[in-house]
C-alpha atoms as a PDB file:
ATOM      1  CA  MET A   1     180.582 -82.249 269.198  1.00  0.00           C
ATOM      2  CA  VAL A   2     182.198 -79.932 266.674  1.00  0.00           C
ATOM      3  CA  VAL A   3     184.316 -81.099 263.746  1.00  0.00           C
ATOM      4  CA  ASN A   4     186.276 -78.672 261.582  1.00  0.00           C
ATOM      5  CA  ASN A   5     187.942 -79.707 258.321  1.00  0.00           C
ATOM      6  CA  THR A   6     190.730 -77.625 256.871  1.00  0.00           C
ATOM      7  CA  SER A   7     194.029 -77.959 255.052  1.00  0.00           C
ATOM      8  CA  PHE A   8     197.262 -76.101 254.520  1.00  0.00           C
ATOM      9  CA  THR A   9     200.285 -76.406 252.252  1.00  0.00           C
ATOM     10  CA  ILE A  10     203.854 -75.402 253.023  1.00  0.00           C
ATOM     11  CA  GLU A  11     206.446 -75.272 250.266  1.00  0.00           C
ATOM     12  CA  ARG A  12     210.147 -75.106 251.039  1.00  0.00           C
ATOM     13  CA  ILE A  13     213.195 -74.846 248.821  1.00  0.00           C
ATOM     14  CA  LEU A  14     215.820 -76.997 250.522  1.00  0.00           C
ATOM     15  CA  PRO A  15     219.598 -76.807 249.941  1.00  0.00           C
ATOM     16  CA  ALA A  16     220.026 -80.521 249.195  1.00  0.00           C
ATOM     17  CA  SER A  17     219.274 -83.109 246.537  1.00  0.00           C
ATOM     18  CA  ARG A  18     215.927 -84.899 246.449  1.00  0.00           C
ATOM     19  CA  GLU A  19     217.662 -88.045 247.671  1.00  0.00           C
ATOM     20  CA  LYS A  20     219.102 -86.296 250.738  1.00  0.00           C
ATOM     21  CA  VAL A  21     215.813 -84.593 251.574  1.00  0.00           C
ATOM     22  CA  PHE A  22     213.891 -87.853 251.242  1.00  0.00           C
ATOM     23  CA  ALA A  23     216.502 -89.601 253.399  1.00  0.00           C
ATOM     24  CA  ALA A  24     215.972 -86.993 256.149  1.00  0.00           C
ATOM     25  CA  TRP A  25     212.335 -88.148 256.270  1.00  0.00           C
ATOM     26  CA  ALA A  26     213.157 -91.861 255.995  1.00  0.00           C
ATOM     27  CA  ASN A  27     215.996 -92.116 258.527  1.00  0.00           C
ATOM     28  CA  PRO A  28     214.706 -92.407 262.123  1.00  0.00           C
ATOM     29  CA  GLU A  29     217.714 -90.656 263.722  1.00  0.00           C
ATOM     30  CA  SER A  30     217.476 -87.722 261.322  1.00  0.00           C
ATOM     31  CA  LYS A  31     213.708 -87.375 261.603  1.00  0.00           C
ATOM     32  CA  ARG A  32     213.814 -87.477 265.392  1.00  0.00           C
ATOM     33  CA  ARG A  33     216.269 -84.530 265.360  1.00  0.00           C
ATOM     34  CA  TRP A  34     214.195 -82.218 263.182  1.00  0.00           C
ATOM     35  CA  PHE A  35     210.589 -83.350 263.612  1.00  0.00           C
ATOM     36  CA  SER A  36     209.636 -81.769 266.970  1.00  0.00           C
ATOM     37  CA  CYS A  37     207.304 -78.770 266.791  1.00  0.00           C
ATOM     38  CA  HIS A  38     209.015 -76.689 269.453  1.00  0.00           C
ATOM     39  CA  ASP A  39     212.569 -76.486 270.763  1.00  0.00           C
ATOM     40  CA  ASP A  40     211.432 -76.635 274.391  1.00  0.00           C
ATOM     41  CA  TRP A  41     209.313 -79.789 273.962  1.00  0.00           C
ATOM     42  CA  LYS A  42     211.119 -82.902 275.221  1.00  0.00           C
ATOM     43  CA  THR A  43     210.878 -86.124 273.207  1.00  0.00           C
ATOM     44  CA  VAL A  44     210.212 -88.985 275.613  1.00  0.00           C
ATOM     45  CA  GLU A  45     209.496 -91.816 273.146  1.00  0.00           C
ATOM     46  CA  PHE A  46     210.078 -92.082 269.406  1.00  0.00           C
ATOM     47  CA  SER A  47     209.706 -95.039 267.059  1.00  0.00           C
ATOM     48  CA  MET A  48     209.584 -95.248 263.294  1.00  0.00           C
ATOM     49  CA  ASP A  49     209.132 -98.089 260.787  1.00  0.00           C
ATOM     50  CA  PHE A  50     209.432 -96.293 257.450  1.00  0.00           C
ATOM     51  CA  LYS A  51     207.608 -98.552 254.995  1.00  0.00           C
ATOM     52  CA  VAL A  52     204.111 -98.805 253.556  1.00  0.00           C
ATOM     53  CA  GLY A  53     201.979 -99.991 256.465  1.00  0.00           C
ATOM     54  CA  GLY A  54     204.708 -98.973 258.911  1.00  0.00           C
ATOM     55  CA  LYS A  55     204.038 -96.922 262.019  1.00  0.00           C
ATOM     56  CA  GLU A  56     205.610 -93.860 263.556  1.00  0.00           C
ATOM     57  CA  SER A  57     205.001 -92.595 267.072  1.00  0.00           C
ATOM     58  CA  ASN A  58     206.367 -89.580 268.884  1.00  0.00           C
ATOM     59  CA  LEU A  59     205.562 -88.690 272.505  1.00  0.00           C
ATOM     60  CA  VAL A  60     206.689 -85.281 273.743  1.00  0.00           C
ATOM     61  CA  ILE A  61     206.213 -83.399 276.997  1.00  0.00           C
ATOM     62  CA  THR A  62     205.691 -79.626 276.952  1.00  0.00           C
ATOM     63  CA  PRO A  63     207.227 -77.325 279.586  1.00  0.00           C
ATOM     64  CA  SER A  64     203.781 -77.135 281.237  1.00  0.00           C
ATOM     65  CA  GLY A  65     203.685 -80.954 281.492  1.00  0.00           C
ATOM     66  CA  ASN A  66     201.180 -81.675 278.719  1.00  0.00           C
ATOM     67  CA  ARG A  67     201.693 -84.898 276.774  1.00  0.00           C
ATOM     68  CA  HIS A  68     201.453 -84.679 272.976  1.00  0.00           C
ATOM     69  CA  VAL A  69     201.419 -87.875 270.916  1.00  0.00           C
ATOM     70  CA  PHE A  70     201.824 -88.132 267.140  1.00  0.00           C
ATOM     71  CA  ASP A  71     200.635 -91.590 265.979  1.00  0.00           C
ATOM     72  CA  ALA A  72     201.048 -92.220 262.227  1.00  0.00           C
ATOM     73  CA  THR A  73     200.732 -94.923 259.568  1.00  0.00           C
ATOM     74  CA  TYR A  74     202.495 -94.728 256.189  1.00  0.00           C
ATOM     75  CA  TYR A  75     200.206 -95.462 253.222  1.00  0.00           C
ATOM     76  CA  ASP A  76     202.295 -94.607 250.165  1.00  0.00           C
ATOM     77  CA  ILE A  77     206.040 -94.210 249.723  1.00  0.00           C
ATOM     78  CA  ILE A  78     207.776 -93.645 246.404  1.00  0.00           C
ATOM     79  CA  PRO A  79     211.482 -93.141 247.171  1.00  0.00           C
ATOM     80  CA  ASN A  80     212.720 -89.622 246.434  1.00  0.00           C
ATOM     81  CA  GLU A  81     209.283 -88.580 245.105  1.00  0.00           C
ATOM     82  CA  ARG A  82     206.379 -88.907 247.538  1.00  0.00           C
ATOM     83  CA  ILE A  83     205.279 -89.859 251.061  1.00  0.00           C
ATOM     84  CA  VAL A  84     201.636 -90.168 252.141  1.00  0.00           C
ATOM     85  CA  TYR A  85     200.722 -90.848 255.754  1.00  0.00           C
ATOM     86  CA  ALA A  86     197.832 -90.389 258.149  1.00  0.00           C
ATOM     87  CA  PHE A  87     198.144 -89.527 261.814  1.00  0.00           C
ATOM     88  CA  GLY A  88     196.208 -88.883 264.956  1.00  0.00           C
ATOM     89  CA  MET A  89     197.333 -86.137 267.330  1.00  0.00           C
ATOM     90  CA  TYR A  90     196.636 -86.595 271.025  1.00  0.00           C
ATOM     91  CA  MET A  91     196.969 -84.208 273.939  1.00  0.00           C
ATOM     92  CA  ASN A  92     196.901 -85.821 277.388  1.00  0.00           C
ATOM     93  CA  ASP A  93     195.353 -89.000 275.903  1.00  0.00           C
ATOM     94  CA  ILE A  94     192.553 -87.105 274.131  1.00  0.00           C
ATOM     95  CA  ARG A  95     192.571 -87.311 270.320  1.00  0.00           C
ATOM     96  CA  ILE A  96     192.388 -83.706 269.106  1.00  0.00           C
ATOM     97  CA  SER A  97     192.805 -84.256 265.362  1.00  0.00           C
ATOM     98  CA  VAL A  98     193.252 -86.717 262.538  1.00  0.00           C
ATOM     99  CA  SER A  99     195.224 -85.729 259.439  1.00  0.00           C
ATOM    100  CA  LEU A 100     196.251 -86.949 256.007  1.00  0.00           C
ATOM    101  CA  VAL A 101     199.629 -85.672 254.793  1.00  0.00           C
ATOM    102  CA  THR A 102     201.179 -85.693 251.331  1.00  0.00           C
ATOM    103  CA  VAL A 103     204.841 -84.732 250.895  1.00  0.00           C
ATOM    104  CA  ILE A 104     206.161 -84.231 247.351  1.00  0.00           C
ATOM    105  CA  PHE A 105     209.858 -83.846 246.472  1.00  0.00           C
ATOM    106  CA  ASP A 106     210.784 -82.076 243.195  1.00  0.00           C
ATOM    107  CA  THR A 107     214.265 -81.316 241.882  1.00  0.00           C
ATOM    108  CA  LEU A 108     214.628 -77.655 240.992  1.00  0.00           C
ATOM    109  CA  ILE A 109     218.255 -77.390 240.002  1.00  0.00           C
ATOM    110  CA  GLU A 110     221.163 -79.577 240.983  1.00  0.00           C
ATOM    111  CA  GLY A 111     221.553 -79.572 244.739  1.00  0.00           C
ATOM    112  CA  ARG A 112     218.166 -77.972 245.530  1.00  0.00           C
ATOM    113  CA  THR A 113     214.771 -79.550 246.173  1.00  0.00           C
ATOM    114  CA  LYS A 114     211.281 -78.129 246.322  1.00  0.00           C
ATOM    115  CA  MET A 115     209.374 -79.917 249.077  1.00  0.00           C
ATOM    116  CA  SER A 116     205.587 -79.494 249.145  1.00  0.00           C
ATOM    117  CA  PHE A 117     203.837 -80.560 252.347  1.00  0.00           C
ATOM    118  CA  THR A 118     200.022 -80.652 252.399  1.00  0.00           C
ATOM    119  CA  GLU A 119     198.101 -81.537 255.551  1.00  0.00           C
ATOM    120  CA  GLN A 120     194.352 -82.139 255.510  1.00  0.00           C
ATOM    121  CA  ILE A 121     193.120 -81.871 259.095  1.00  0.00           C
ATOM    122  CA  VAL A 122     189.986 -82.924 260.893  1.00  0.00           C
ATOM    123  CA  LEU A 123     189.932 -81.015 264.193  1.00  0.00           C
ATOM    124  CA  LEU A 124     187.930 -82.912 266.800  1.00  0.00           C
ATOM    125  CA  GLY A 125     186.452 -81.650 270.008  1.00  0.00           C
ATOM    126  CA  LYS A 126     183.753 -79.891 271.874  1.00  0.00           C
ATOM    127  CA  VAL A 127     185.031 -76.433 271.083  1.00  0.00           C
ATOM    128  CA  SER A 128     182.542 -74.510 268.968  1.00  0.00           C
ATOM    129  CA  ASP A 129     184.444 -71.231 269.127  1.00  0.00           C
ATOM    130  CA  GLU A 130     185.858 -70.588 265.658  1.00  0.00           C
ATOM    131  CA  GLY A 131     188.546 -68.366 267.194  1.00  0.00           C
ATOM    132  CA  VAL A 132     189.888 -71.267 269.271  1.00  0.00           C
ATOM    133  CA  GLN A 133     189.885 -73.544 266.210  1.00  0.00           C
ATOM    134  CA  LYS A 134     191.726 -70.873 264.213  1.00  0.00           C
ATOM    135  CA  ILE A 135     194.380 -70.698 266.949  1.00  0.00           C
ATOM    136  CA  GLU A 136     194.746 -74.515 266.802  1.00  0.00           C
ATOM    137  CA  ILE A 137     195.230 -74.433 263.022  1.00  0.00           C
ATOM    138  CA  GLU A 138     197.701 -71.534 263.237  1.00  0.00           C
ATOM    139  CA  GLY A 139     199.608 -73.459 265.922  1.00  0.00           C
ATOM    140  CA  ARG A 140     199.785 -76.519 263.676  1.00  0.00           C
ATOM    141  CA  ILE A 141     201.184 -74.452 260.811  1.00  0.00           C
ATOM    142  CA  GLU A 142     203.667 -72.706 263.122  1.00  0.00           C
ATOM    143  CA  GLY A 143     204.836 -76.013 264.611  1.00  0.00           C
ATOM    144  CA  THR A 144     205.215 -77.615 261.177  1.00  0.00           C
ATOM    145  CA  ASN A 145     207.262 -74.644 259.960  1.00  0.00           C
ATOM    146  CA  ALA A 146     209.468 -74.849 263.077  1.00  0.00           C
ATOM    147  CA  GLY A 147     210.216 -78.485 262.273  1.00  0.00           C
ATOM    148  CA  PHE A 148     211.048 -77.573 258.685  1.00  0.00           C
ATOM    149  CA  ASP A 149     213.411 -74.858 259.960  1.00  0.00           C
ATOM    150  CA  ARG A 150     215.284 -77.638 261.791  1.00  0.00           C
ATOM    151  CA  LEU A 151     215.107 -79.831 258.664  1.00  0.00           C
ATOM    152  CA  VAL A 152     217.056 -77.145 256.770  1.00  0.00           C
ATOM    153  CA  LYS A 153     219.803 -77.417 259.427  1.00  0.00           C
ATOM    154  CA  GLU A 154     220.159 -81.139 258.613  1.00  0.00           C
ATOM    155  CA  PHE A 155     221.809 -80.079 255.342  1.00  0.00           C
ATOM    156  CA  SER A 156     224.264 -77.545 256.803  1.00  0.00           C
END
């Protein structure tokens, strides 16, 4: 069994106040709109209890019929400043990774926020091919960026 640990950080300058950006993470209706990794993935189930100890779950179906589940627990929330959560990612009922995420919100100038998202990932599985693991990590970064592209649209 192969385990690969890695991390990545994405920083975005968002056209909204820290309070509005934080609210887009905290409000279940808003988060459901922007959170999906890919436009063609269909959300089948979504639930969110945004509080320390609260859970979030998102089940999506890909065009090929694969089931992806995001299953998270919130560990630290400081309104308008920081969110820390851990999550397992499942594909067709097989856990493929476990991650710890830290999201920091900083005011740049009035009406703009710098959001820093850091994900520390443990990739699980039998795959020993580093090329396949690299593709998985690149896919995670691409999917996260796609969600953040939709997050920007929340402020239009």
